[in-house]
Amino acid sequence: MNTIELRNSMNSKALMSIYLGVFSLLMFFMPVVALTLGTLSIFLGLSGRKEARDLTQKGAGTAVAGAVCGASAIVLTVMLLGAVMSSSITY
């Protein structure tokens, strides 16, 4: 793969980050799945953004969006777990 083809291609880590981030948002009611996919999405998004900028590939914004979706899924899942735990406490 030459330099021109590499510059015009979309970063694969960025694509995986957005896919996992959106899927983890959809699965926020399944804590193990959402936390795992959200964490993977954040790590792939951050490394994909750095890789896309260093190699001048497309996808730096997509990587950031994937990381944000993954972080949002983690926050939603933790909030859901907190609500479930607080409602199950009896006094």
C-alpha atoms as a PDB file:
ATOM      1  CA  MET A   1       0.000   0.000   0.000  1.00  0.00           C
ATOM      2  CA  ASN A   2       1.581   3.261  -1.024  1.00  0.00           C
ATOM      3  CA  THR A   3       1.400   6.588   0.780  1.00  0.00           C
ATOM      4  CA  ILE A   4      -1.416   8.023  -1.334  1.00  0.00           C
ATOM      5  CA  GLU A   5      -3.677   5.028  -0.718  1.00  0.00           C
ATOM      6  CA  LEU A   6      -2.931   5.182   3.013  1.00  0.00           C
ATOM      7  CA  ARG A   7      -3.848   8.869   3.204  1.00  0.00           C
ATOM      8  CA  ASN A   8      -7.160   8.379   1.429  1.00  0.00           C
ATOM      9  CA  SER A   9      -8.245   5.417   3.544  1.00  0.00           C
ATOM     10  CA  MET A  10     -10.418   5.519   6.646  1.00  0.00           C
ATOM     11  CA  ASN A  11      -8.714   4.512   9.868  1.00  0.00           C
ATOM     12  CA  SER A  12      -9.929   1.060  10.905  1.00  0.00           C
ATOM     13  CA  LYS A  13      -9.619   1.749  14.634  1.00  0.00           C
ATOM     14  CA  ALA A  14     -11.836   4.799  14.215  1.00  0.00           C
ATOM     15  CA  LEU A  15     -14.484   2.749  12.430  1.00  0.00           C
ATOM     16  CA  MET A  16     -14.420   0.020  15.076  1.00  0.00           C
ATOM     17  CA  SER A  17     -14.639   2.672  17.774  1.00  0.00           C
ATOM     18  CA  ILE A  18     -17.815   4.217  16.358  1.00  0.00           C
ATOM     19  CA  TYR A  19     -19.403   0.795  15.746  1.00  0.00           C
ATOM     20  CA  LEU A  20     -18.659  -0.390  19.277  1.00  0.00           C
ATOM     21  CA  GLY A  21     -19.661   2.958  20.778  1.00  0.00           C
ATOM     22  CA  VAL A  22     -23.062   3.020  19.122  1.00  0.00           C
ATOM     23  CA  PHE A  23     -23.676  -0.643  19.913  1.00  0.00           C
ATOM     24  CA  SER A  24     -22.718  -0.105  23.557  1.00  0.00           C
ATOM     25  CA  LEU A  25     -25.190   2.801  23.707  1.00  0.00           C
ATOM     26  CA  LEU A  26     -27.915   0.525  22.395  1.00  0.00           C
ATOM     27  CA  MET A  27     -26.989  -2.171  24.931  1.00  0.00           C
ATOM     28  CA  PHE A  28     -26.721   0.068  28.022  1.00  0.00           C
ATOM     29  CA  PHE A  29     -29.332  -2.049  29.834  1.00  0.00           C
ATOM     30  CA  MET A  30     -26.935  -5.037  29.751  1.00  0.00           C
ATOM     31  CA  PRO A  31     -24.171  -3.797  32.084  1.00  0.00           C
ATOM     32  CA  VAL A  32     -21.435  -6.317  31.282  1.00  0.00           C
ATOM     33  CA  VAL A  33     -21.810  -5.854  27.533  1.00  0.00           C
ATOM     34  CA  ALA A  34     -22.140  -2.072  27.677  1.00  0.00           C
ATOM     35  CA  LEU A  35     -19.185  -1.545  30.014  1.00  0.00           C
ATOM     36  CA  THR A  36     -16.942  -3.850  28.009  1.00  0.00           C
ATOM     37  CA  LEU A  37     -17.853  -2.394  24.623  1.00  0.00           C
ATOM     38  CA  GLY A  38     -17.783   1.158  25.956  1.00  0.00           C
ATOM     39  CA  THR A  39     -14.282   0.697  27.340  1.00  0.00           C
ATOM     40  CA  LEU A  40     -13.072  -0.849  24.089  1.00  0.00           C
ATOM     41  CA  SER A  41     -14.657   1.989  22.155  1.00  0.00           C
ATOM     42  CA  ILE A  42     -12.843   4.604  24.236  1.00  0.00           C
ATOM     43  CA  PHE A  43      -9.452   2.942  23.842  1.00  0.00           C
ATOM     44  CA  LEU A  44      -9.906   2.346  20.116  1.00  0.00           C
ATOM     45  CA  GLY A  45     -11.169   5.886  19.635  1.00  0.00           C
ATOM     46  CA  LEU A  46      -8.211   7.485  21.357  1.00  0.00           C
ATOM     47  CA  SER A  47      -5.623   5.331  19.606  1.00  0.00           C
ATOM     48  CA  GLY A  48      -7.447   5.647  16.272  1.00  0.00           C
ATOM     49  CA  ARG A  49      -7.473   9.438  16.547  1.00  0.00           C
ATOM     50  CA  LYS A  50      -3.742   9.538  17.206  1.00  0.00           C
ATOM     51  CA  GLU A  51      -3.055   7.073  14.384  1.00  0.00           C
ATOM     52  CA  ALA A  52      -5.277   8.970  11.933  1.00  0.00           C
ATOM     53  CA  ARG A  53      -3.547  12.252  12.689  1.00  0.00           C
ATOM     54  CA  ASP A  54      -0.039  10.752  12.527  1.00  0.00           C
ATOM     55  CA  LEU A  55      -0.662   8.943   9.238  1.00  0.00           C
ATOM     56  CA  THR A  56      -2.890  11.740   7.851  1.00  0.00           C
ATOM     57  CA  GLN A  57      -5.761   9.317   7.355  1.00  0.00           C
ATOM     58  CA  LYS A  58      -9.447  10.059   7.436  1.00  0.00           C
ATOM     59  CA  GLY A  59     -11.366   9.267  10.601  1.00  0.00           C
ATOM     60  CA  ALA A  60     -10.026  11.442  13.415  1.00  0.00           C
ATOM     61  CA  GLY A  61     -13.503  12.873  14.016  1.00  0.00           C
ATOM     62  CA  THR A  62     -15.074   9.446  13.759  1.00  0.00           C
ATOM     63  CA  ALA A  63     -12.669   8.192  16.411  1.00  0.00           C
ATOM     64  CA  VAL A  64     -13.635  11.006  18.765  1.00  0.00           C
ATOM     65  CA  ALA A  65     -17.326  10.311  18.174  1.00  0.00           C
ATOM     66  CA  GLY A  66     -16.760   6.632  18.989  1.00  0.00           C
ATOM     67  CA  ALA A  67     -14.966   7.497  22.211  1.00  0.00           C
ATOM     68  CA  VAL A  68     -17.773   9.885  23.205  1.00  0.00           C
ATOM     69  CA  CYS A  69     -20.424   7.243  22.470  1.00  0.00           C
ATOM     70  CA  GLY A  70     -18.498   4.698  24.549  1.00  0.00           C
ATOM     71  CA  ALA A  71     -18.138   7.129  27.450  1.00  0.00           C
ATOM     72  CA  SER A  72     -21.848   7.990  27.243  1.00  0.00           C
ATOM     73  CA  ALA A  73     -22.747   4.316  27.354  1.00  0.00           C
ATOM     74  CA  ILE A  74     -20.614   3.819  30.452  1.00  0.00           C
ATOM     75  CA  VAL A  75     -22.249   6.802  32.179  1.00  0.00           C
ATOM     76  CA  LEU A  76     -25.756   5.585  31.274  1.00  0.00           C
ATOM     77  CA  THR A  77     -24.971   2.076  32.488  1.00  0.00           C
ATOM     78  CA  VAL A  78     -23.569   3.296  35.798  1.00  0.00           C
ATOM     79  CA  MET A  79     -26.621   5.524  36.278  1.00  0.00           C
ATOM     80  CA  LEU A  80     -28.916   2.594  35.534  1.00  0.00           C
ATOM     81  CA  LEU A  81     -27.038   0.375  37.978  1.00  0.00           C
ATOM     82  CA  GLY A  82     -27.235   3.098  40.626  1.00  0.00           C
ATOM     83  CA  ALA A  83     -30.978   3.467  40.124  1.00  0.00           C
ATOM     84  CA  VAL A  84     -31.538  -0.270  40.338  1.00  0.00           C
ATOM     85  CA  MET A  85     -29.358  -0.617  43.422  1.00  0.00           C
ATOM     86  CA  SER A  86     -31.014   2.299  45.225  1.00  0.00           C
ATOM     87  CA  SER A  87     -34.505   1.045  44.457  1.00  0.00           C
ATOM     88  CA  SER A  88     -33.720  -2.422  45.783  1.00  0.00           C
ATOM     89  CA  ILE A  89     -32.580  -1.165  49.193  1.00  0.00           C
ATOM     90  CA  THR A  90     -35.302  -1.635  51.787  1.00  0.00           C
ATOM     91  CA  TYR A  91     -35.456   0.289  55.043  1.00  0.00           C
END
